[in-house]
N, C-alpha and C. Protein backbone atom coordinates (compact mmCIF):
# COMPACT_ATOMS: atom_id res chain seq x y z
N LEU A 1 40.82 16.29 -8.47
CA LEU A 1 40.18 16.63 -9.72
C LEU A 1 41.25 17.23 -10.62
N MET A 2 41.23 16.79 -11.84
CA MET A 2 42.22 17.30 -12.77
C MET A 2 41.53 17.88 -13.99
N SER A 3 42.29 18.60 -14.75
CA SER A 3 41.80 19.16 -16.01
C SER A 3 42.80 18.78 -17.09
N ALA A 4 42.45 19.06 -18.32
CA ALA A 4 43.34 18.71 -19.44
C ALA A 4 44.70 19.39 -19.25
N SER A 5 44.69 20.58 -18.70
CA SER A 5 45.96 21.32 -18.55
C SER A 5 46.81 20.80 -17.39
N THR A 6 46.21 20.09 -16.41
CA THR A 6 46.99 19.61 -15.26
C THR A 6 47.15 18.10 -15.25
N ALA A 7 46.60 17.40 -16.25
CA ALA A 7 46.58 15.94 -16.24
C ALA A 7 47.97 15.34 -16.13
N SER A 8 48.93 15.81 -16.91
CA SER A 8 50.26 15.20 -16.88
C SER A 8 50.92 15.41 -15.51
N GLU A 9 50.70 16.55 -14.89
CA GLU A 9 51.26 16.80 -13.57
C GLU A 9 50.55 15.95 -12.51
N ASP A 10 49.21 15.81 -12.64
CA ASP A 10 48.43 15.05 -11.66
C ASP A 10 48.80 13.57 -11.65
N VAL A 11 49.09 13.00 -12.82
CA VAL A 11 49.44 11.58 -12.87
C VAL A 11 50.96 11.37 -12.91
N GLY A 12 51.71 12.44 -12.88
CA GLY A 12 53.17 12.36 -12.90
C GLY A 12 53.74 12.84 -11.57
N THR A 13 54.11 14.10 -11.55
CA THR A 13 54.78 14.69 -10.39
C THR A 13 53.97 14.57 -9.10
N LYS A 14 52.71 14.99 -9.14
CA LYS A 14 51.88 14.93 -7.93
C LYS A 14 51.72 13.50 -7.43
N LYS A 15 51.52 12.58 -8.36
CA LYS A 15 51.35 11.18 -7.97
C LYS A 15 52.60 10.67 -7.27
N ARG A 16 53.78 11.01 -7.81
CA ARG A 16 55.05 10.58 -7.17
C ARG A 16 55.19 11.19 -5.77
N ILE A 17 54.80 12.45 -5.61
CA ILE A 17 54.90 13.10 -4.29
C ILE A 17 54.00 12.38 -3.29
N TYR A 18 52.75 12.08 -3.70
CA TYR A 18 51.83 11.37 -2.80
C TYR A 18 52.32 9.95 -2.51
N GLU A 19 52.99 9.34 -3.46
CA GLU A 19 53.49 7.98 -3.27
C GLU A 19 54.76 7.96 -2.41
N GLN A 20 55.72 8.79 -2.74
CA GLN A 20 57.05 8.70 -2.13
C GLN A 20 57.23 9.59 -0.91
N THR A 21 56.59 10.75 -0.89
CA THR A 21 56.77 11.68 0.23
C THR A 21 55.69 11.47 1.29
N PHE A 22 54.43 11.54 0.88
CA PHE A 22 53.33 11.46 1.84
C PHE A 22 52.92 10.02 2.14
N ARG A 23 53.30 9.07 1.27
CA ARG A 23 52.91 7.66 1.41
C ARG A 23 51.38 7.52 1.55
N THR A 24 50.67 8.27 0.74
CA THR A 24 49.21 8.23 0.72
C THR A 24 48.77 6.87 0.19
N ARG A 25 47.97 6.18 0.98
CA ARG A 25 47.62 4.79 0.63
C ARG A 25 46.85 4.67 -0.68
N ASP A 26 45.95 5.62 -0.93
CA ASP A 26 45.15 5.57 -2.15
C ASP A 26 45.22 6.93 -2.83
N TYR A 27 45.39 6.91 -4.14
CA TYR A 27 45.49 8.14 -4.92
C TYR A 27 44.59 8.00 -6.14
N PHE A 28 43.71 8.99 -6.32
CA PHE A 28 42.76 8.96 -7.43
C PHE A 28 42.82 10.27 -8.19
N VAL A 29 42.58 10.19 -9.48
CA VAL A 29 42.43 11.38 -10.31
C VAL A 29 41.17 11.24 -11.14
N TYR A 30 40.56 12.39 -11.41
CA TYR A 30 39.32 12.39 -12.19
C TYR A 30 39.16 13.75 -12.85
N GLU A 31 38.83 13.72 -14.13
CA GLU A 31 38.59 14.95 -14.89
C GLU A 31 37.07 15.07 -15.05
N PRO A 32 36.44 16.05 -14.40
CA PRO A 32 34.97 16.12 -14.34
C PRO A 32 34.27 16.17 -15.70
N PHE A 33 34.92 16.65 -16.72
CA PHE A 33 34.27 16.75 -18.02
C PHE A 33 34.53 15.53 -18.89
N ASN A 34 35.15 14.51 -18.30
CA ASN A 34 35.38 13.25 -18.99
C ASN A 34 35.01 12.13 -18.02
N GLY A 35 33.80 11.61 -18.17
CA GLY A 35 33.28 10.61 -17.25
C GLY A 35 34.08 9.31 -17.21
N ASP A 36 34.92 9.05 -18.22
CA ASP A 36 35.72 7.82 -18.26
C ASP A 36 37.15 8.05 -17.78
N SER A 37 37.42 9.16 -17.13
CA SER A 37 38.80 9.51 -16.79
C SER A 37 39.24 9.03 -15.40
N LEU A 38 38.38 8.39 -14.65
CA LEU A 38 38.72 7.97 -13.29
C LEU A 38 39.86 6.96 -13.31
N GLN A 39 40.92 7.27 -12.56
CA GLN A 39 42.06 6.36 -12.39
C GLN A 39 42.43 6.35 -10.91
N GLY A 40 43.01 5.26 -10.47
CA GLY A 40 43.42 5.19 -9.08
C GLY A 40 44.57 4.24 -8.86
N TRP A 41 45.29 4.47 -7.76
CA TRP A 41 46.43 3.64 -7.39
C TRP A 41 46.37 3.38 -5.89
N HIS A 42 46.96 2.26 -5.49
CA HIS A 42 47.00 1.88 -4.08
C HIS A 42 48.43 1.47 -3.75
N LEU A 43 48.93 1.92 -2.59
CA LEU A 43 50.28 1.54 -2.16
C LEU A 43 50.33 0.05 -1.85
N ASN A 44 51.25 -0.64 -2.48
CA ASN A 44 51.40 -2.07 -2.19
C ASN A 44 52.35 -2.25 -1.00
N ARG A 45 52.68 -3.51 -0.71
CA ARG A 45 53.54 -3.78 0.47
C ARG A 45 54.96 -3.28 0.28
N HIS A 46 55.35 -2.96 -0.97
CA HIS A 46 56.68 -2.40 -1.25
C HIS A 46 56.66 -0.88 -1.26
N GLN A 47 55.52 -0.32 -0.83
CA GLN A 47 55.32 1.13 -0.78
C GLN A 47 55.43 1.79 -2.16
N GLU A 48 54.89 1.07 -3.15
CA GLU A 48 54.84 1.59 -4.51
C GLU A 48 53.38 1.55 -4.97
N TYR A 49 53.01 2.54 -5.77
CA TYR A 49 51.65 2.56 -6.28
C TYR A 49 51.44 1.48 -7.32
N GLU A 50 50.34 0.75 -7.15
CA GLU A 50 49.87 -0.20 -8.16
C GLU A 50 48.57 0.36 -8.70
N GLU A 51 48.44 0.35 -10.01
CA GLU A 51 47.21 0.88 -10.60
C GLU A 51 46.05 -0.04 -10.26
N LEU A 52 44.93 0.56 -9.89
CA LEU A 52 43.71 -0.18 -9.58
C LEU A 52 42.96 -0.50 -10.87
N THR A 53 42.38 -1.69 -10.90
CA THR A 53 41.59 -2.11 -12.06
C THR A 53 40.12 -1.83 -11.77
N PRO A 54 39.46 -1.07 -12.65
CA PRO A 54 38.04 -0.78 -12.41
C PRO A 54 37.19 -2.04 -12.55
N ASP A 55 36.07 -2.08 -11.84
CA ASP A 55 35.14 -3.20 -12.00
C ASP A 55 34.30 -2.97 -13.26
N GLU A 56 33.30 -3.82 -13.46
CA GLU A 56 32.48 -3.73 -14.69
C GLU A 56 31.71 -2.41 -14.78
N ARG A 57 31.52 -1.73 -13.66
CA ARG A 57 30.82 -0.44 -13.67
C ARG A 57 31.78 0.72 -13.92
N GLY A 58 33.07 0.42 -13.89
CA GLY A 58 34.07 1.48 -14.03
C GLY A 58 34.47 2.07 -12.69
N TRP A 59 34.04 1.43 -11.58
CA TRP A 59 34.34 1.93 -10.25
C TRP A 59 35.68 1.36 -9.76
N LEU A 60 36.30 2.10 -8.84
CA LEU A 60 37.55 1.67 -8.22
C LEU A 60 37.33 1.48 -6.73
N TRP A 61 37.94 0.43 -6.19
CA TRP A 61 37.82 0.15 -4.77
C TRP A 61 38.87 0.94 -4.00
N CYS A 62 38.43 1.69 -2.98
CA CYS A 62 39.33 2.46 -2.12
C CYS A 62 39.48 1.67 -0.83
N GLU A 63 40.59 0.98 -0.72
CA GLU A 63 40.83 0.09 0.42
C GLU A 63 40.82 0.86 1.74
N SER A 64 41.46 2.02 1.78
CA SER A 64 41.58 2.74 3.05
C SER A 64 40.22 3.24 3.57
N LEU A 65 39.28 3.51 2.68
CA LEU A 65 37.95 3.96 3.10
C LEU A 65 36.93 2.82 3.16
N GLY A 66 37.24 1.72 2.49
CA GLY A 66 36.28 0.63 2.42
C GLY A 66 35.07 1.01 1.59
N LEU A 67 35.30 1.80 0.56
CA LEU A 67 34.22 2.28 -0.30
C LEU A 67 34.63 2.19 -1.76
N TRP A 68 33.64 2.10 -2.62
CA TRP A 68 33.86 2.21 -4.05
C TRP A 68 33.85 3.68 -4.42
N LEU A 69 34.64 4.02 -5.43
CA LEU A 69 34.64 5.37 -5.98
C LEU A 69 34.22 5.23 -7.43
N GLY A 70 33.16 5.93 -7.80
CA GLY A 70 32.66 5.81 -9.15
C GLY A 70 31.87 7.03 -9.56
N THR A 71 31.43 7.03 -10.77
CA THR A 71 30.67 8.17 -11.28
C THR A 71 29.18 7.95 -11.05
N TRP A 72 28.47 9.04 -11.01
CA TRP A 72 27.03 9.06 -10.82
C TRP A 72 26.49 10.24 -11.59
N GLU A 73 25.47 9.99 -12.40
CA GLU A 73 24.87 11.07 -13.17
C GLU A 73 23.58 11.50 -12.51
N GLY A 74 23.48 12.80 -12.26
CA GLY A 74 22.27 13.30 -11.62
C GLY A 74 22.39 14.76 -11.26
N ARG A 75 21.38 15.23 -10.52
CA ARG A 75 21.33 16.64 -10.12
C ARG A 75 21.85 16.77 -8.69
N LEU A 76 22.83 17.63 -8.55
CA LEU A 76 23.44 17.89 -7.26
C LEU A 76 23.74 19.38 -7.18
N ARG A 77 23.35 19.98 -6.10
CA ARG A 77 23.61 21.41 -5.91
C ARG A 77 23.13 22.23 -7.10
N ARG A 78 21.93 21.88 -7.54
CA ARG A 78 21.23 22.56 -8.64
C ARG A 78 21.92 22.45 -9.99
N GLU A 79 22.74 21.40 -10.15
CA GLU A 79 23.41 21.22 -11.44
C GLU A 79 23.37 19.75 -11.84
N ASN A 80 22.92 19.52 -13.08
CA ASN A 80 22.94 18.17 -13.63
C ASN A 80 24.33 17.93 -14.23
N ALA A 81 24.95 16.83 -13.82
CA ALA A 81 26.29 16.52 -14.30
C ALA A 81 26.62 15.07 -13.96
N ILE A 82 27.80 14.65 -14.38
CA ILE A 82 28.35 13.37 -13.95
C ILE A 82 29.28 13.69 -12.80
N TRP A 83 28.97 13.13 -11.65
CA TRP A 83 29.70 13.43 -10.41
C TRP A 83 30.51 12.22 -9.98
N LEU A 84 31.59 12.48 -9.27
CA LEU A 84 32.38 11.44 -8.64
C LEU A 84 31.78 11.20 -7.27
N ARG A 85 31.37 9.95 -6.98
CA ARG A 85 30.67 9.66 -5.74
C ARG A 85 31.21 8.39 -5.11
N PHE A 86 30.95 8.26 -3.80
CA PHE A 86 31.30 7.05 -3.07
C PHE A 86 30.10 6.11 -3.01
N TYR A 87 30.40 4.81 -3.01
CA TYR A 87 29.39 3.76 -2.88
C TYR A 87 29.87 2.78 -1.82
N ASP A 88 28.92 2.21 -1.07
CA ASP A 88 29.32 1.22 -0.05
C ASP A 88 29.67 -0.12 -0.71
N ARG A 89 30.05 -1.10 0.10
CA ARG A 89 30.46 -2.41 -0.41
C ARG A 89 29.40 -3.05 -1.30
N ASP A 90 28.13 -2.79 -0.99
CA ASP A 90 27.03 -3.38 -1.75
C ASP A 90 26.64 -2.57 -2.98
N GLY A 91 27.35 -1.46 -3.22
CA GLY A 91 27.05 -0.64 -4.40
C GLY A 91 26.00 0.42 -4.17
N ASN A 92 25.64 0.65 -2.91
CA ASN A 92 24.65 1.70 -2.60
C ASN A 92 25.34 3.05 -2.50
N LEU A 93 24.74 4.03 -3.11
CA LEU A 93 25.27 5.38 -3.10
C LEU A 93 25.38 5.89 -1.66
N VAL A 94 26.54 6.45 -1.31
CA VAL A 94 26.71 7.09 -0.01
C VAL A 94 26.20 8.52 -0.16
N LEU A 95 25.18 8.83 0.58
CA LEU A 95 24.53 10.13 0.43
C LEU A 95 25.34 11.25 1.07
N LEU A 96 25.26 12.40 0.45
CA LEU A 96 25.87 13.61 1.01
C LEU A 96 24.96 14.15 2.10
N PRO A 97 25.50 14.94 3.01
CA PRO A 97 24.66 15.45 4.11
C PRO A 97 23.39 16.15 3.64
N GLU A 98 23.47 16.93 2.56
CA GLU A 98 22.27 17.61 2.09
C GLU A 98 21.26 16.63 1.51
N GLU A 99 21.75 15.51 0.94
CA GLU A 99 20.84 14.48 0.43
C GLU A 99 20.15 13.76 1.58
N VAL A 100 20.91 13.49 2.64
CA VAL A 100 20.34 12.86 3.82
C VAL A 100 19.28 13.78 4.43
N ALA A 101 19.61 15.08 4.51
CA ALA A 101 18.65 16.04 5.07
C ALA A 101 17.40 16.10 4.20
N GLU A 102 17.58 16.09 2.89
CA GLU A 102 16.42 16.12 1.98
C GLU A 102 15.57 14.87 2.15
N GLN A 103 16.22 13.71 2.27
CA GLN A 103 15.46 12.47 2.48
C GLN A 103 14.71 12.51 3.80
N GLU A 104 15.36 13.03 4.85
CA GLU A 104 14.72 13.13 6.16
C GLU A 104 13.52 14.08 6.09
N GLN A 105 13.68 15.17 5.34
CA GLN A 105 12.58 16.11 5.18
C GLN A 105 11.42 15.44 4.44
N GLN A 106 11.74 14.69 3.39
CA GLN A 106 10.70 13.98 2.65
C GLN A 106 10.01 12.96 3.54
N ARG A 107 10.79 12.22 4.33
CA ARG A 107 10.20 11.25 5.25
C ARG A 107 9.28 11.94 6.25
N ALA A 108 9.76 13.09 6.77
CA ALA A 108 8.95 13.84 7.74
C ALA A 108 7.65 14.32 7.10
N GLU A 109 7.74 14.80 5.87
CA GLU A 109 6.54 15.25 5.16
C GLU A 109 5.58 14.09 4.91
N GLN A 110 6.13 12.94 4.52
CA GLN A 110 5.30 11.76 4.30
C GLN A 110 4.64 11.32 5.61
N GLU A 111 5.41 11.36 6.68
CA GLU A 111 4.87 10.97 7.98
C GLU A 111 3.77 11.94 8.41
N GLN A 112 3.97 13.22 8.13
CA GLN A 112 2.95 14.21 8.45
C GLN A 112 1.69 13.96 7.62
N GLN A 113 1.88 13.64 6.34
CA GLN A 113 0.73 13.33 5.49
C GLN A 113 -0.01 12.10 6.01
N ARG A 114 0.76 11.07 6.41
CA ARG A 114 0.13 9.87 6.97
C ARG A 114 -0.64 10.21 8.25
N ALA A 115 -0.05 11.07 9.08
CA ALA A 115 -0.72 11.46 10.32
C ALA A 115 -1.99 12.24 10.03
N GLU A 116 -1.92 13.13 9.03
CA GLU A 116 -3.11 13.89 8.65
C GLU A 116 -4.19 12.96 8.10
N GLN A 117 -3.79 11.99 7.28
CA GLN A 117 -4.75 11.03 6.75
C GLN A 117 -5.37 10.21 7.88
N GLU A 118 -4.55 9.82 8.83
CA GLU A 118 -5.05 9.06 9.98
C GLU A 118 -6.01 9.92 10.81
N GLN A 119 -5.67 11.19 10.95
CA GLN A 119 -6.55 12.12 11.68
C GLN A 119 -7.89 12.25 10.95
N GLN A 120 -7.84 12.39 9.62
CA GLN A 120 -9.06 12.48 8.83
C GLN A 120 -9.88 11.20 8.97
N ARG A 121 -9.20 10.05 8.90
CA ARG A 121 -9.89 8.78 9.05
C ARG A 121 -10.55 8.70 10.43
N ALA A 122 -9.83 9.13 11.44
CA ALA A 122 -10.39 9.09 12.80
C ALA A 122 -11.59 10.04 12.92
N GLU A 123 -11.49 11.21 12.29
CA GLU A 123 -12.61 12.15 12.32
C GLU A 123 -13.82 11.57 11.58
N GLN A 124 -13.57 10.93 10.43
CA GLN A 124 -14.66 10.30 9.69
C GLN A 124 -15.30 9.18 10.51
N GLU A 125 -14.46 8.41 11.17
CA GLU A 125 -14.97 7.33 12.02
C GLU A 125 -15.79 7.90 13.16
N GLN A 126 -15.33 9.01 13.72
CA GLN A 126 -16.08 9.65 14.81
C GLN A 126 -17.42 10.17 14.28
N GLN A 127 -17.41 10.76 13.07
CA GLN A 127 -18.66 11.23 12.48
C GLN A 127 -19.62 10.07 12.25
N ARG A 128 -19.08 8.94 11.75
CA ARG A 128 -19.93 7.76 11.55
C ARG A 128 -20.53 7.30 12.88
N ALA A 129 -19.69 7.29 13.90
CA ALA A 129 -20.17 6.85 15.21
C ALA A 129 -21.24 7.81 15.73
N GLU A 130 -21.03 9.11 15.55
CA GLU A 130 -22.01 10.10 15.99
C GLU A 130 -23.32 9.93 15.21
N GLN A 131 -23.22 9.69 13.89
CA GLN A 131 -24.42 9.46 13.08
C GLN A 131 -25.16 8.21 13.54
N GLU A 132 -24.41 7.17 13.82
CA GLU A 132 -25.01 5.93 14.32
C GLU A 132 -25.69 6.17 15.66
N GLN A 133 -25.03 6.96 16.51
CA GLN A 133 -25.62 7.30 17.81
C GLN A 133 -26.91 8.09 17.61
N GLN A 134 -26.89 9.04 16.66
CA GLN A 134 -28.09 9.83 16.39
C GLN A 134 -29.21 8.94 15.86
N ARG A 135 -28.86 7.99 14.96
CA ARG A 135 -29.88 7.06 14.45
C ARG A 135 -30.47 6.23 15.59
N ALA A 136 -29.60 5.76 16.47
CA ALA A 136 -30.07 4.96 17.60
C ALA A 136 -30.97 5.81 18.50
N GLU A 137 -30.57 7.05 18.75
CA GLU A 137 -31.38 7.93 19.59
C GLU A 137 -32.72 8.24 18.92
N GLN A 138 -32.69 8.45 17.59
CA GLN A 138 -33.92 8.72 16.85
C GLN A 138 -34.84 7.50 16.90
N ALA A 139 -34.27 6.31 16.71
CA ALA A 139 -35.08 5.08 16.79
C ALA A 139 -35.68 4.93 18.18
N GLU A 140 -34.91 5.22 19.20
CA GLU A 140 -35.39 5.16 20.58
C GLU A 140 -36.52 6.17 20.79
N ALA A 141 -36.33 7.37 20.24
CA ALA A 141 -37.36 8.40 20.38
C ALA A 141 -38.64 7.97 19.66
N GLU A 142 -38.50 7.36 18.48
CA GLU A 142 -39.67 6.88 17.74
C GLU A 142 -40.38 5.78 18.53
N ARG A 143 -39.61 4.86 19.13
CA ARG A 143 -40.22 3.80 19.95
C ARG A 143 -40.95 4.41 21.15
N ASP A 144 -40.31 5.42 21.77
CA ASP A 144 -40.96 6.09 22.91
C ASP A 144 -42.26 6.76 22.48
N GLN A 145 -42.22 7.41 21.30
CA GLN A 145 -43.41 8.09 20.80
C GLN A 145 -44.52 7.08 20.50
N GLU A 146 -44.16 5.95 19.87
CA GLU A 146 -45.14 4.90 19.59
C GLU A 146 -45.72 4.34 20.90
N ARG A 147 -44.85 4.14 21.89
CA ARG A 147 -45.31 3.64 23.19
C ARG A 147 -46.29 4.65 23.82
N GLN A 148 -45.92 5.93 23.77
CA GLN A 148 -46.78 6.96 24.33
C GLN A 148 -48.13 7.00 23.59
N GLN A 149 -48.06 6.86 22.26
CA GLN A 149 -49.30 6.86 21.48
C GLN A 149 -50.17 5.65 21.86
N ARG A 150 -49.54 4.47 22.03
CA ARG A 150 -50.30 3.29 22.46
C ARG A 150 -50.91 3.52 23.83
N GLU A 151 -50.08 4.05 24.73
CA GLU A 151 -50.57 4.30 26.08
C GLU A 151 -51.73 5.30 26.05
N GLN A 152 -51.58 6.32 25.21
CA GLN A 152 -52.64 7.32 25.09
C GLN A 152 -53.90 6.69 24.50
N ALA A 153 -53.70 5.83 23.45
CA ALA A 153 -54.86 5.16 22.84
C ALA A 153 -55.53 4.24 23.86
N GLU A 154 -54.73 3.51 24.67
CA GLU A 154 -55.30 2.64 25.70
C GLU A 154 -56.04 3.46 26.75
N ALA A 155 -55.44 4.60 27.11
CA ALA A 155 -56.10 5.47 28.11
C ALA A 155 -57.40 6.01 27.55
N ASN A 156 -57.37 6.41 26.27
CA ASN A 156 -58.59 6.91 25.62
C ASN A 156 -59.65 5.81 25.57
N LEU A 157 -59.20 4.58 25.24
CA LEU A 157 -60.14 3.45 25.18
C LEU A 157 -60.74 3.19 26.56
N GLN A 158 -59.91 3.23 27.60
CA GLN A 158 -60.42 3.00 28.96
C GLN A 158 -61.41 4.10 29.35
N GLN A 159 -61.09 5.34 28.98
CA GLN A 159 -62.01 6.45 29.28
C GLN A 159 -63.34 6.25 28.56
N LEU A 160 -63.23 5.82 27.30
CA LEU A 160 -64.44 5.60 26.51
C LEU A 160 -65.27 4.46 27.11
N GLN A 161 -64.56 3.37 27.48
CA GLN A 161 -65.28 2.24 28.09
C GLN A 161 -65.93 2.66 29.42
N GLU A 162 -65.21 3.45 30.18
CA GLU A 162 -65.76 3.94 31.46
C GLU A 162 -66.99 4.81 31.20
N ARG A 163 -66.90 5.66 30.23
CA ARG A 163 -68.03 6.54 29.90
C ARG A 163 -69.24 5.72 29.43
N LEU A 164 -68.97 4.69 28.59
CA LEU A 164 -70.04 3.84 28.12
C LEU A 164 -70.69 3.10 29.29
N ARG A 165 -69.87 2.62 30.23
CA ARG A 165 -70.40 1.92 31.38
C ARG A 165 -71.28 2.86 32.21
N GLN A 166 -70.81 4.12 32.32
CA GLN A 166 -71.61 5.10 33.07
C GLN A 166 -72.95 5.31 32.38
N LEU A 167 -72.93 5.23 31.09
CA LEU A 167 -74.17 5.44 30.34
C LEU A 167 -74.99 4.16 30.28
N GLY A 168 -74.45 3.08 30.79
CA GLY A 168 -75.17 1.81 30.81
C GLY A 168 -75.11 1.08 29.50
N ILE A 169 -74.12 1.39 28.71
CA ILE A 169 -73.99 0.72 27.42
C ILE A 169 -72.87 -0.31 27.53
N ASP A 170 -73.19 -1.51 27.03
CA ASP A 170 -72.21 -2.59 27.08
C ASP A 170 -71.18 -2.34 25.99
N SER A 171 -69.88 -2.19 26.38
CA SER A 171 -68.83 -1.86 25.41
C SER A 171 -68.60 -2.99 24.42
N ASP A 172 -68.92 -4.26 24.78
CA ASP A 172 -68.74 -5.37 23.85
C ASP A 172 -69.72 -5.30 22.71
N THR A 173 -70.89 -4.73 22.92
CA THR A 173 -71.86 -4.63 21.86
C THR A 173 -71.54 -3.52 20.90
N VAL A 174 -70.74 -2.54 21.33
CA VAL A 174 -70.37 -1.40 20.49
C VAL A 174 -69.28 -1.78 19.51
N SER A 175 -68.36 -2.65 19.89
CA SER A 175 -67.24 -2.98 19.03
C SER A 175 -67.76 -3.65 17.85
């Protein structure tokens, strides 16, 4: 990361040290308050830095990491800014550990919500089944009561017919 006060040193002296002394394969500079300031170099086969050409997004390919280096605008660590970020070969943002943790937490919360919804659905289904069971039991009880009433009416009729016979009255003439 460079600033206006260190820019000439970062792309001059420091760059030469990383190129000639450390033989650092990839060297990048970026001034955080200037989103268009990203520059990069890669050691060629002659062990000299060649400037990297940005793609249409303004990103630079980092051969040694196999990743794109580019800017990303968003909120990170409670601050909205333009950040320097890594992207995979397909252009997908490489998440920071705290972003991965946040995503995992969100997934866990969503999974818990799904589980709670499934639990509620299962409870509702159980209530429906219990209500259906109660309706079936009530219908059975009503059928039993009707059967008992018929049996009682038949018993009453038989008692009445028996009583009429005892009295010498023909039950067919009474109906």
